[in-house]
Structure formats: C-alpha cells, structure tokens
N, C-alpha and C. Protein backbone atom coordinates (compact mmCIF):
# COMPACT_ATOMS: atom_id res chain seq x y z
N UNK A 1 -86.13 -32.32 -22.02
CA UNK A 1 -85.04 -32.59 -23.02
C UNK A 1 -83.67 -32.17 -22.24
N UNK A 2 -82.33 -32.79 -22.00
CA UNK A 2 -81.43 -32.08 -21.65
C UNK A 2 -80.61 -31.60 -22.51
N UNK A 3 -80.61 -30.38 -22.10
CA UNK A 3 -79.41 -29.29 -23.40
C UNK A 3 -78.05 -29.81 -22.31
N UNK A 4 -76.77 -30.71 -23.67
CA UNK A 4 -75.88 -30.38 -23.10
C UNK A 4 -75.05 -29.85 -23.62
N UNK A 5 -73.37 -29.84 -23.46
CA UNK A 5 -72.98 -28.97 -23.91
C UNK A 5 -72.97 -28.77 -25.87
N UNK A 6 -72.90 -30.48 -26.16
CA UNK A 6 -72.92 -30.64 -27.65
C UNK A 6 -74.37 -29.93 -28.01
N UNK A 7 -75.27 -30.02 -27.23
CA UNK A 7 -76.59 -29.62 -28.14
C UNK A 7 -76.80 -28.23 -28.08
N UNK A 8 -76.43 -27.23 -27.18
CA UNK A 8 -76.35 -26.44 -27.41
C UNK A 8 -75.04 -25.67 -28.34
N UNK A 9 -74.37 -25.83 -28.44
CA UNK A 9 -73.32 -25.82 -29.38
C UNK A 9 -73.51 -26.06 -30.59
N UNK A 10 -74.21 -27.13 -30.53
CA UNK A 10 -74.78 -27.04 -32.47
C UNK A 10 -75.90 -26.11 -32.50
N UNK A 11 -76.89 -25.80 -31.94
CA UNK A 11 -78.22 -24.93 -31.96
C UNK A 11 -77.29 -23.58 -32.73
N UNK A 12 -76.50 -22.77 -31.63
CA UNK A 12 -75.44 -21.76 -32.03
C UNK A 12 -74.89 -22.07 -33.02
N UNK A 13 -74.11 -22.72 -33.29
CA UNK A 13 -73.38 -23.28 -34.86
C UNK A 13 -74.40 -23.11 -35.92
N UNK A 14 -75.22 -23.79 -35.91
CA UNK A 14 -76.66 -23.52 -36.55
C UNK A 14 -77.15 -22.44 -36.99
N UNK A 15 -77.17 -21.39 -35.97
CA UNK A 15 -77.66 -20.46 -36.30
C UNK A 15 -76.97 -19.23 -36.64
N UNK A 16 -74.97 -19.77 -36.41
CA UNK A 16 -74.17 -18.94 -36.90
C UNK A 16 -74.06 -19.51 -38.63
N UNK A 17 -74.25 -20.67 -38.61
CA UNK A 17 -74.27 -21.18 -39.87
C UNK A 17 -75.19 -20.19 -40.88
N UNK A 18 -76.08 -20.58 -40.82
CA UNK A 18 -77.38 -19.79 -41.61
C UNK A 18 -77.34 -18.68 -41.83
N UNK A 19 -76.52 -17.63 -40.70
CA UNK A 19 -76.19 -16.38 -41.05
C UNK A 19 -75.22 -16.01 -41.65
N UNK A 20 -73.98 -16.96 -41.72
CA UNK A 20 -73.47 -17.00 -42.27
C UNK A 20 -73.79 -17.26 -44.13
N UNK A 21 -74.50 -18.48 -44.28
CA UNK A 21 -75.04 -18.06 -45.33
C UNK A 21 -75.53 -17.40 -45.96
N UNK A 22 -76.27 -16.43 -44.93
CA UNK A 22 -77.63 -15.76 -45.77
C UNK A 22 -76.31 -14.36 -45.76
N UNK A 23 -75.18 -13.84 -45.03
CA UNK A 23 -74.45 -12.83 -45.03
C UNK A 23 -73.43 -12.67 -45.96
N UNK A 24 -72.19 -13.91 -45.43
CA UNK A 24 -71.56 -13.87 -46.13
C UNK A 24 -71.31 -14.85 -47.65
N UNK A 25 -71.73 -15.56 -47.95
CA UNK A 25 -71.70 -16.93 -48.68
C UNK A 25 -72.23 -16.00 -50.64
N UNK A 26 -73.35 -15.07 -50.06
CA UNK A 26 -73.21 -14.48 -51.58
C UNK A 26 -71.92 -13.56 -52.01
N UNK A 27 -71.47 -12.77 -50.78
CA UNK A 27 -70.11 -12.30 -51.27
C UNK A 27 -68.52 -12.89 -51.61
N UNK A 28 -68.72 -14.25 -51.10
CA UNK A 28 -68.17 -14.99 -51.63
C UNK A 28 -68.00 -15.95 -53.31
N UNK A 29 -69.39 -15.49 -53.72
CA UNK A 29 -69.26 -16.34 -55.10
C UNK A 29 -68.35 -16.17 -56.15
N UNK A 30 -67.95 -17.50 -56.93
CA UNK A 30 -66.81 -17.26 -57.90
C UNK A 30 -67.76 -18.17 -59.13
N UNK A 31 -68.17 -17.19 -59.53
CA UNK A 31 -68.94 -17.69 -60.71
C UNK A 31 -70.40 -18.38 -60.69
N UNK A 32 -70.47 -19.65 -61.02
CA UNK A 32 -71.55 -20.43 -60.09
C UNK A 32 -71.49 -20.92 -58.76
N UNK A 33 -70.73 -20.91 -58.35
CA UNK A 33 -70.22 -21.65 -57.46
C UNK A 33 -70.19 -20.70 -56.33
N UNK A 34 -71.16 -21.04 -55.50
CA UNK A 34 -71.29 -20.50 -53.83
C UNK A 34 -71.00 -20.97 -52.44
N UNK A 35 -70.51 -20.86 -51.72
CA UNK A 35 -69.90 -21.87 -50.54
C UNK A 35 -70.99 -21.91 -49.78
N UNK A 36 -71.08 -23.38 -48.84
CA UNK A 36 -72.26 -23.47 -48.71
C UNK A 36 -72.05 -23.78 -47.07
N UNK A 37 -72.05 -22.91 -46.40
CA UNK A 37 -71.48 -23.12 -44.76
C UNK A 37 -72.80 -23.77 -44.00
N UNK A 38 -73.80 -24.23 -44.41
CA UNK A 38 -74.74 -25.13 -43.41
C UNK A 38 -74.44 -26.18 -43.57
N UNK A 39 -74.01 -26.78 -44.92
CA UNK A 39 -73.39 -28.59 -45.33
C UNK A 39 -72.36 -28.76 -44.37
N UNK A 40 -71.61 -27.40 -44.63
CA UNK A 40 -70.14 -27.39 -44.40
C UNK A 40 -69.74 -27.72 -42.13
N UNK A 41 -71.22 -26.92 -41.63
CA UNK A 41 -71.66 -27.39 -40.16
C UNK A 41 -72.19 -28.60 -39.90
N UNK A 42 -72.94 -29.00 -40.95
CA UNK A 42 -73.71 -30.32 -40.26
C UNK A 42 -72.92 -31.16 -40.56
N UNK A 43 -71.98 -31.29 -41.82
CA UNK A 43 -71.38 -32.45 -41.80
C UNK A 43 -70.09 -32.92 -40.87
N UNK A 44 -69.48 -31.70 -40.24
CA UNK A 44 -68.35 -31.38 -39.32
C UNK A 44 -69.22 -31.67 -37.80
N UNK A 45 -70.11 -31.30 -37.54
CA UNK A 45 -71.09 -31.60 -36.36
C UNK A 45 -71.18 -33.32 -36.10
N UNK A 46 -72.06 -33.76 -37.72
CA UNK A 46 -71.76 -35.41 -37.50
C UNK A 46 -71.48 -35.89 -37.11
N UNK A 47 -69.53 -35.46 -37.54
CA UNK A 47 -68.41 -36.21 -37.21
C UNK A 47 -67.66 -36.28 -35.76
N UNK A 48 -68.12 -34.59 -35.32
CA UNK A 48 -67.48 -34.06 -34.28
C UNK A 48 -67.86 -34.62 -32.86
N UNK A 49 -69.36 -35.06 -33.22
CA UNK A 49 -70.45 -35.54 -32.11
C UNK A 49 -71.01 -35.94 -32.79
N UNK A 50 -70.63 -37.67 -33.04
CA UNK A 50 -71.83 -38.79 -33.74
C UNK A 50 -72.65 -38.87 -32.34
N UNK A 51 -72.69 -39.00 -31.53
CA UNK A 51 -73.53 -39.97 -30.82
C UNK A 51 -74.88 -38.69 -30.52
N UNK A 52 -74.45 -37.61 -30.89
CA UNK A 52 -75.26 -36.11 -30.64
C UNK A 52 -75.96 -35.82 -31.91
N UNK A 53 -75.16 -36.30 -33.30
CA UNK A 53 -76.12 -36.07 -34.78
C UNK A 53 -76.90 -35.85 -35.16
N UNK A 54 -78.14 -36.32 -34.51
CA UNK A 54 -79.78 -36.99 -34.71
C UNK A 54 -80.31 -36.05 -36.01
N UNK A 55 -81.14 -35.78 -36.58
CA UNK A 55 -81.77 -35.74 -37.91
C UNK A 55 -82.30 -34.26 -37.72
N UNK A 56 -82.87 -34.00 -36.50
CA UNK A 56 -83.43 -32.78 -36.52
C UNK A 56 -82.58 -31.54 -37.03
N UNK A 57 -81.85 -31.21 -36.12
CA UNK A 57 -80.87 -29.67 -36.85
C UNK A 57 -80.69 -29.71 -38.69
N UNK A 58 -80.16 -31.34 -38.67
CA UNK A 58 -79.71 -31.70 -40.36
C UNK A 58 -80.75 -30.99 -41.23
N UNK A 59 -82.10 -31.34 -41.07
CA UNK A 59 -83.28 -31.42 -41.58
C UNK A 59 -83.73 -29.73 -41.52
N UNK A 60 -83.60 -29.10 -40.53
CA UNK A 60 -84.19 -27.89 -39.98
C UNK A 60 -83.40 -26.94 -40.81
N UNK A 61 -81.97 -27.13 -40.89
CA UNK A 61 -80.87 -26.41 -41.65
C UNK A 61 -80.77 -26.48 -43.15
N UNK A 62 -81.28 -27.54 -43.53
CA UNK A 62 -81.62 -28.27 -44.80
C UNK A 62 -82.58 -27.17 -45.38
N UNK A 63 -83.79 -27.20 -44.52
CA UNK A 63 -84.86 -26.78 -45.21
C UNK A 63 -85.06 -25.08 -45.26
N UNK A 64 -84.26 -24.75 -44.35
CA UNK A 64 -83.67 -23.08 -44.18
C UNK A 64 -82.68 -22.77 -45.66
N UNK A 65 -82.20 -23.91 -45.90
CA UNK A 65 -81.13 -23.35 -47.09
C UNK A 65 -82.21 -23.63 -48.11
N UNK A 66 -83.56 -24.23 -48.48
CA UNK A 66 -83.74 -24.47 -49.27
C UNK A 66 -85.22 -23.32 -50.02
N UNK A 67 -85.24 -22.73 -48.34
CA UNK A 67 -85.83 -21.61 -48.84
C UNK A 67 -85.22 -20.41 -48.79
N UNK A 68 -84.18 -20.59 -48.32
CA UNK A 68 -83.23 -19.37 -48.52
C UNK A 68 -82.54 -19.21 -49.83
N UNK A 69 -81.91 -20.76 -50.03
CA UNK A 69 -81.47 -20.24 -51.61
C UNK A 69 -82.30 -20.93 -52.88
N UNK A 70 -83.54 -21.17 -53.08
CA UNK A 70 -84.32 -20.78 -54.03
C UNK A 70 -84.58 -22.53 -54.85
N UNK A 71 -83.88 -23.76 -53.73
CA UNK A 71 -84.01 -24.94 -54.77
C UNK A 71 -85.24 -25.71 -54.30
N UNK A 72 -84.97 -26.58 -54.62
CA UNK A 72 -86.49 -27.54 -54.73
C UNK A 72 -86.50 -27.63 -52.97
N UNK A 73 -87.70 -27.38 -52.47
CA UNK A 73 -88.03 -27.26 -51.08
C UNK A 73 -87.86 -28.78 -50.50
N UNK A 74 -87.13 -29.23 -49.27
CA UNK A 74 -86.86 -30.36 -48.88
C UNK A 74 -85.59 -30.94 -49.50
N UNK A 75 -85.42 -30.83 -50.57
CA UNK A 75 -84.14 -31.12 -51.60
C UNK A 75 -82.71 -31.66 -50.26
N UNK A 76 -82.45 -30.14 -49.78
CA UNK A 76 -81.73 -30.09 -48.90
C UNK A 76 -81.29 -30.90 -47.47
N UNK A 77 -82.67 -30.77 -47.46
CA UNK A 77 -83.17 -31.26 -45.96
C UNK A 77 -83.18 -33.05 -46.25
N UNK A 78 -83.66 -33.66 -46.96
CA UNK A 78 -83.40 -34.69 -46.88
C UNK A 78 -81.71 -34.88 -47.31
N UNK A 79 -81.29 -34.75 -47.90
CA UNK A 79 -80.22 -35.02 -48.38
C UNK A 79 -79.17 -34.80 -47.15
N UNK A 80 -79.20 -33.70 -46.77
CA UNK A 80 -78.74 -33.79 -45.14
C UNK A 80 -78.83 -34.77 -43.97
N UNK A 81 -80.19 -34.80 -43.75
CA UNK A 81 -80.20 -36.01 -42.96
C UNK A 81 -79.91 -37.18 -43.15
N UNK A 82 -79.73 -37.89 -44.40
CA UNK A 82 -79.30 -38.87 -45.04
C UNK A 82 -77.66 -39.14 -44.89
N UNK A 83 -77.08 -38.07 -45.41
CA UNK A 83 -75.22 -37.73 -45.39
C UNK A 83 -75.05 -38.02 -44.21
N UNK A 84 -75.77 -36.70 -43.10
CA UNK A 84 -75.09 -36.25 -41.62
C UNK A 84 -75.48 -38.26 -41.26
N UNK A 85 -76.63 -38.55 -41.20
CA UNK A 85 -76.72 -39.84 -40.46
C UNK A 85 -75.74 -41.01 -40.46
N UNK A 86 -75.20 -41.00 -41.95
CA UNK A 86 -74.21 -42.19 -42.67
C UNK A 86 -73.12 -41.30 -41.96
N UNK A 87 -72.99 -39.94 -42.15
CA UNK A 87 -71.31 -39.57 -41.43
C UNK A 87 -71.07 -40.10 -39.92
N UNK A 88 -72.20 -39.81 -39.60
CA UNK A 88 -72.12 -40.22 -37.91
C UNK A 88 -71.71 -41.52 -37.35
N UNK A 89 -72.30 -42.55 -38.33
CA UNK A 89 -71.86 -43.66 -38.05
C UNK A 89 -71.00 -44.32 -38.93
N UNK A 90 -70.34 -43.87 -39.73
CA UNK A 90 -69.01 -44.27 -40.06
C UNK A 90 -68.03 -43.70 -39.95
N UNK A 91 -68.25 -43.07 -39.03
CA UNK A 91 -67.17 -42.45 -38.01
C UNK A 91 -67.30 -43.29 -36.55
N UNK A 92 -67.96 -43.30 -36.26
CA UNK A 92 -68.40 -44.38 -34.93
C UNK A 92 -67.83 -45.39 -35.14
N UNK A 93 -68.02 -45.77 -36.27
CA UNK A 93 -67.47 -47.64 -36.59
C UNK A 93 -65.64 -47.36 -37.23
N UNK A 94 -65.18 -46.01 -37.75
CA UNK A 94 -64.01 -46.10 -38.54
C UNK A 94 -63.40 -45.29 -37.52
N UNK A 95 -63.48 -44.63 -37.04
CA UNK A 95 -62.78 -43.82 -35.87
C UNK A 95 -61.42 -44.83 -35.13
N UNK A 96 -60.63 -43.79 -35.45
CA UNK A 96 -59.25 -44.68 -34.96
C UNK A 96 -57.96 -43.76 -34.21
N UNK A 97 -58.26 -42.69 -33.65
CA UNK A 97 -57.72 -41.39 -33.41
C UNK A 97 -57.11 -40.59 -34.27
N UNK A 98 -56.86 -40.60 -35.44
CA UNK A 98 -56.22 -40.07 -36.32
C UNK A 98 -56.76 -39.24 -36.79
N UNK A 99 -55.69 -37.84 -36.97
CA UNK A 99 -56.81 -37.23 -38.36
C UNK A 99 -57.37 -37.88 -39.46
N UNK A 100 -57.32 -38.35 -39.90
CA UNK A 100 -57.53 -38.84 -41.37
C UNK A 100 -58.74 -39.37 -41.96
N UNK A 101 -59.21 -39.72 -40.52
CA UNK A 101 -60.45 -40.53 -40.96
C UNK A 101 -61.59 -39.26 -40.52
N UNK A 102 -61.62 -38.57 -39.57
CA UNK A 102 -62.66 -37.85 -39.46
C UNK A 102 -62.39 -36.58 -40.91
N UNK A 103 -61.31 -36.23 -41.59
CA UNK A 103 -60.74 -35.43 -42.80
C UNK A 103 -61.62 -36.41 -43.60
N UNK A 104 -61.47 -38.04 -44.12
CA UNK A 104 -62.04 -38.71 -45.03
C UNK A 104 -63.13 -38.27 -45.38
N UNK A 105 -64.20 -38.56 -44.23
CA UNK A 105 -65.40 -38.83 -44.02
C UNK A 105 -65.61 -37.64 -44.12
N UNK A 106 -65.52 -36.22 -43.93
CA UNK A 106 -66.30 -35.13 -44.17
C UNK A 106 -66.26 -35.07 -45.83
N UNK A 107 -65.04 -35.09 -46.25
CA UNK A 107 -64.76 -34.70 -47.37
C UNK A 107 -65.75 -35.80 -48.15
N UNK A 108 -65.95 -37.04 -48.42
CA UNK A 108 -66.73 -37.89 -48.64
C UNK A 108 -67.87 -37.58 -48.59
N UNK A 109 -68.26 -37.51 -46.97
CA UNK A 109 -70.10 -36.77 -47.35
C UNK A 109 -69.96 -35.43 -47.75
N UNK A 110 -69.25 -34.60 -47.70
CA UNK A 110 -69.45 -33.36 -48.91
C UNK A 110 -69.87 -33.50 -50.24
N UNK A 111 -69.10 -34.69 -50.72
CA UNK A 111 -68.92 -34.63 -52.21
C UNK A 111 -70.18 -35.41 -52.21
N UNK A 112 -70.51 -36.14 -51.70
CA UNK A 112 -71.60 -37.32 -51.78
C UNK A 112 -73.33 -36.49 -51.65
N UNK A 113 -73.17 -35.17 -50.90
CA UNK A 113 -74.15 -33.92 -50.68
C UNK A 113 -74.17 -33.02 -51.76
N UNK A 114 -73.33 -32.58 -52.52
CA UNK A 114 -73.32 -32.12 -53.72
C UNK A 114 -73.85 -32.27 -54.64
N UNK A 115 -72.86 -33.75 -55.17
CA UNK A 115 -73.60 -34.64 -56.22
C UNK A 115 -75.16 -34.94 -56.30
N UNK A 116 -75.56 -35.45 -55.17
CA UNK A 116 -76.81 -35.65 -54.55
C UNK A 116 -77.89 -34.60 -54.83
N UNK A 117 -77.22 -33.19 -54.00
CA UNK A 117 -78.31 -32.30 -54.41
C UNK A 117 -78.24 -31.99 -55.89
N UNK A 118 -77.40 -31.84 -56.65
CA UNK A 118 -77.06 -31.39 -57.77
C UNK A 118 -78.00 -32.25 -58.68
N UNK A 119 -77.91 -33.24 -58.84
CA UNK A 119 -78.66 -33.83 -59.27
C UNK A 119 -80.09 -33.59 -59.11
N UNK A 120 -80.85 -33.66 -57.77
CA UNK A 120 -81.86 -33.23 -57.31
C UNK A 120 -82.30 -32.03 -57.94
N UNK A 121 -82.06 -30.73 -58.03
CA UNK A 121 -82.06 -30.07 -58.54
C UNK A 121 -82.13 -30.13 -60.36
N UNK A 122 -81.35 -31.13 -61.02
CA UNK A 122 -81.76 -31.11 -62.63
C UNK A 122 -83.44 -31.84 -62.48
N UNK A 123 -83.17 -32.69 -61.70
CA UNK A 123 -84.57 -33.65 -61.80
C UNK A 123 -85.93 -33.21 -61.28
N UNK A 124 -85.31 -32.01 -60.73
CA UNK A 124 -86.92 -30.69 -60.48
C UNK A 124 -86.89 -29.75 -61.50
N UNK A 125 -86.66 -29.98 -62.61
CA UNK A 125 -86.93 -28.91 -63.27
C UNK A 125 -86.10 -27.96 -63.88
N UNK A 126 -84.60 -27.66 -63.12
CA UNK A 126 -83.92 -26.29 -63.71
C UNK A 126 -83.58 -25.80 -64.67
N UNK A 127 -83.66 -26.88 -65.75
CA UNK A 127 -83.28 -26.16 -66.77
C UNK A 127 -81.80 -26.33 -67.54
N UNK A 128 -81.33 -27.15 -66.96
CA UNK A 128 -79.38 -27.41 -66.91
C UNK A 128 -79.41 -28.64 -67.47
N UNK A 129 -78.21 -29.18 -68.53
CA UNK A 129 -78.12 -30.14 -67.93
C UNK A 129 -77.04 -30.97 -66.96
N UNK A 130 -76.88 -32.14 -66.96
CA UNK A 130 -76.73 -32.71 -64.98
C UNK A 130 -75.05 -32.46 -65.84
N UNK A 131 -74.56 -32.60 -67.15
CA UNK A 131 -72.75 -33.04 -66.41
C UNK A 131 -72.64 -31.15 -66.59
N UNK A 132 -73.09 -30.19 -67.12
CA UNK A 132 -73.05 -28.95 -66.83
C UNK A 132 -73.56 -28.96 -65.11
N UNK A 133 -74.27 -28.91 -64.70
CA UNK A 133 -74.63 -28.87 -63.31
C UNK A 133 -73.33 -29.20 -62.49
N UNK A 134 -73.10 -30.45 -62.81
CA UNK A 134 -72.24 -31.18 -61.54
C UNK A 134 -70.79 -30.50 -61.75
N UNK A 135 -70.68 -29.95 -63.28
CA UNK A 135 -69.29 -29.59 -63.59
C UNK A 135 -68.98 -28.45 -63.19
N UNK A 136 -70.18 -27.23 -63.39
CA UNK A 136 -70.18 -26.14 -63.24
C UNK A 136 -70.84 -25.52 -61.50
N UNK A 137 -71.16 -26.34 -61.08
CA UNK A 137 -72.12 -25.62 -59.79
C UNK A 137 -71.70 -27.33 -58.47
N UNK A 138 -71.47 -28.28 -59.13
CA UNK A 138 -71.46 -29.29 -57.96
C UNK A 138 -70.00 -29.01 -57.39
N UNK A 139 -69.03 -29.20 -58.82
CA UNK A 139 -67.37 -29.49 -58.03
C UNK A 139 -66.92 -28.46 -57.72
N UNK A 140 -67.33 -27.02 -58.00
CA UNK A 140 -66.81 -26.00 -57.35
C UNK A 140 -67.29 -25.95 -55.80
N UNK A 141 -68.59 -26.14 -55.65
CA UNK A 141 -69.07 -26.02 -54.24
C UNK A 141 -68.39 -26.81 -53.44
N UNK A 142 -68.40 -28.22 -53.91
CA UNK A 142 -67.35 -29.13 -53.65
C UNK A 142 -66.26 -28.66 -52.46
N UNK A 143 -65.63 -27.87 -53.39
CA UNK A 143 -64.00 -27.52 -52.93
C UNK A 143 -64.44 -26.53 -52.08
N UNK A 144 -65.30 -25.87 -52.16
CA UNK A 144 -65.74 -24.32 -51.08
C UNK A 144 -66.05 -25.44 -49.85
N UNK A 145 -67.12 -26.11 -50.35
CA UNK A 145 -67.81 -26.67 -48.71
C UNK A 145 -66.13 -27.47 -48.05
N UNK A 146 -65.70 -28.10 -48.88
CA UNK A 146 -64.43 -28.76 -48.08
C UNK A 146 -63.20 -27.63 -47.12
N UNK A 147 -63.18 -26.53 -48.16
CA UNK A 147 -61.88 -25.98 -47.31
C UNK A 147 -62.51 -25.44 -45.98
N UNK A 148 -64.29 -25.20 -46.10
CA UNK A 148 -64.82 -24.72 -45.09
C UNK A 148 -65.04 -25.57 -43.96
N UNK A 149 -65.15 -26.59 -44.12
CA UNK A 149 -65.01 -28.00 -43.04
C UNK A 149 -63.94 -28.32 -42.30
N UNK A 150 -62.69 -27.83 -43.24
CA UNK A 150 -61.12 -28.03 -42.54
C UNK A 150 -61.21 -27.52 -41.53
N UNK A 151 -61.71 -25.87 -42.64
CA UNK A 151 -61.28 -24.49 -41.28
C UNK A 151 -62.21 -24.59 -40.00
N UNK A 152 -63.31 -25.48 -39.62
CA UNK A 152 -64.34 -25.31 -38.93
C UNK A 152 -64.26 -26.68 -38.27
N UNK A 153 -63.50 -27.82 -38.91
CA UNK A 153 -63.49 -29.11 -37.77
C UNK A 153 -62.58 -29.00 -36.61
N UNK A 154 -61.60 -27.42 -36.47
CA UNK A 154 -60.32 -27.95 -34.90
C UNK A 154 -61.41 -26.80 -34.37
N UNK A 155 -62.32 -26.30 -34.91
CA UNK A 155 -63.13 -24.88 -33.52
C UNK A 155 -64.07 -25.45 -33.47
N UNK A 156 -65.34 -26.64 -33.77
CA UNK A 156 -65.88 -27.51 -33.48
C UNK A 156 -65.08 -28.32 -32.42
N UNK A 157 -64.10 -28.81 -32.49
CA UNK A 157 -63.46 -30.29 -31.60
C UNK A 157 -63.71 -28.87 -30.05
N UNK A 158 -62.71 -27.97 -30.02
CA UNK A 158 -62.85 -27.04 -29.58
C UNK A 158 -63.87 -26.83 -28.66
N UNK A 159 -65.05 -26.57 -29.43
CA UNK A 159 -66.53 -25.84 -28.58
C UNK A 159 -66.99 -27.08 -28.34
N UNK A 160 -67.28 -27.51 -29.24
CA UNK A 160 -68.17 -28.63 -28.88
C UNK A 160 -68.33 -29.99 -28.10
N UNK A 161 -66.73 -30.11 -27.95
CA UNK A 161 -66.40 -31.57 -27.35
C UNK A 161 -65.54 -30.84 -26.26
N UNK A 162 -65.02 -30.18 -25.88
CA UNK A 162 -63.67 -29.41 -25.21
C UNK A 162 -62.45 -29.52 -24.96
N UNK A 163 -61.75 -30.26 -26.38
CA UNK A 163 -60.54 -30.78 -26.03
C UNK A 163 -59.63 -29.81 -27.61
N UNK A 164 -58.33 -29.29 -27.11
CA UNK A 164 -58.17 -29.33 -28.31
C UNK A 164 -57.83 -30.31 -29.48
N UNK A 165 -56.94 -29.84 -30.46
CA UNK A 165 -56.74 -31.43 -31.07
C UNK A 165 -55.26 -31.72 -30.30
N UNK A 166 -55.14 -33.00 -30.23
CA UNK A 166 -53.36 -33.80 -29.96
C UNK A 166 -53.72 -34.37 -27.96
N UNK A 167 -54.96 -34.07 -27.44
CA UNK A 167 -55.42 -34.50 -26.57
C UNK A 167 -56.11 -35.65 -26.40
N UNK A 168 -55.99 -36.54 -25.42
CA UNK A 168 -56.54 -38.30 -25.55
C UNK A 168 -58.08 -38.18 -26.01
N UNK A 169 -58.53 -38.98 -27.11
CA UNK A 169 -59.86 -38.91 -27.72
C UNK A 169 -59.97 -37.62 -28.11
N UNK A 170 -58.78 -37.04 -29.03
CA UNK A 170 -58.98 -36.54 -30.11
C UNK A 170 -57.86 -36.30 -30.90
N UNK A 171 -58.41 -36.72 -32.31
CA UNK A 171 -57.90 -36.97 -33.64
C UNK A 171 -56.00 -35.91 -33.02
N UNK A 172 -55.34 -37.03 -33.86
CA UNK A 172 -53.66 -36.47 -33.85
C UNK A 172 -53.41 -37.15 -35.09
N UNK A 173 -52.41 -36.51 -35.73
CA UNK A 173 -51.30 -36.86 -37.04
C UNK A 173 -50.49 -37.75 -36.08
N UNK A 174 -50.29 -39.27 -36.94
CA UNK A 174 -49.22 -40.33 -36.62
C UNK A 174 -48.76 -40.73 -37.52
C-alpha cells in the first residue's frame, strides 16, 4: 500500500475529527443540534482530494459516529460512503478552478447527509415525527456542519494538497 501525503493527512484528519466529535461537539450543542466534525471532514476531503477520496475512511468514520452517537449502526456509514463518493465525482466533473464549485458541492453534500440520516433515524424507530426531526435536528446540524466545512476547507487545501488558495490548481475567486 502506497502512503501518499493525501492518505496520511486523511488518516490524521480522521483521527482529529473523531476526537473533536467526542470532546468538543457535546460542548457546542445548541438545543438538539450537535456539530458533526466527522461529516464536515469527510465531505471536505472528498472535494479536496477527489481521486483519493475512497470509501474506506468515510465508512470507518461513519461507523465510529454511529457507535459514539447512539444512532442506528451503519446509517451514517452508508450515507457518508454514498455522499462522499458522489461529491468526489461531482467535483472531478464540475471543477473549474473557482471557489464556487467546491463550496457548492460541500454544502449540497452536507444537506444531503443530514436529510438522509434524519430520515434513517426516524425510519429506525426514534419515536420522533419526520417533520420535527428534520426541522429541529437536521436543519441546525446542516448549518453547523456547513460552517465547520467552510472553515476546514482552506486548511485541508494547505495540508492535504500542499498549496494555499490562489496558486495554480487551487480555487480562486473570479
């Protein structure tokens, strides 16, 4: 197995995301909304390194989230694998070296993750009506995760790719 910069940065970033999810996320809870550092990291990594996105890291991190969070085991793992795969392929097809495309793909991916996971939680017998789950849990979590992803994106570009924003091959504002 070849360990590239992106692979090592992905593993270290995944460990940091899990630690942040365990230690920091409970302290940042507002009402029923808990930030999901794991979702933000997986989506950002799928956009920053679309060729190396793979399915193993999103699956493992999603499974850890399910085991830590008490949701249906395998729900977040399934959603993260599908959404990060779609996000990486969408970014490879739609990348135009502007900042709009990665941001749009990340935010749309986060919306899909939270909506689908909310539906899975309700379908697995959480005892909460679908509208309430989506309005009071999924929507605030989308906002949290989107902000985290937007803050994480420039750091991920620098660490995983090795280039700051604005250099050739990285997105710039036009």
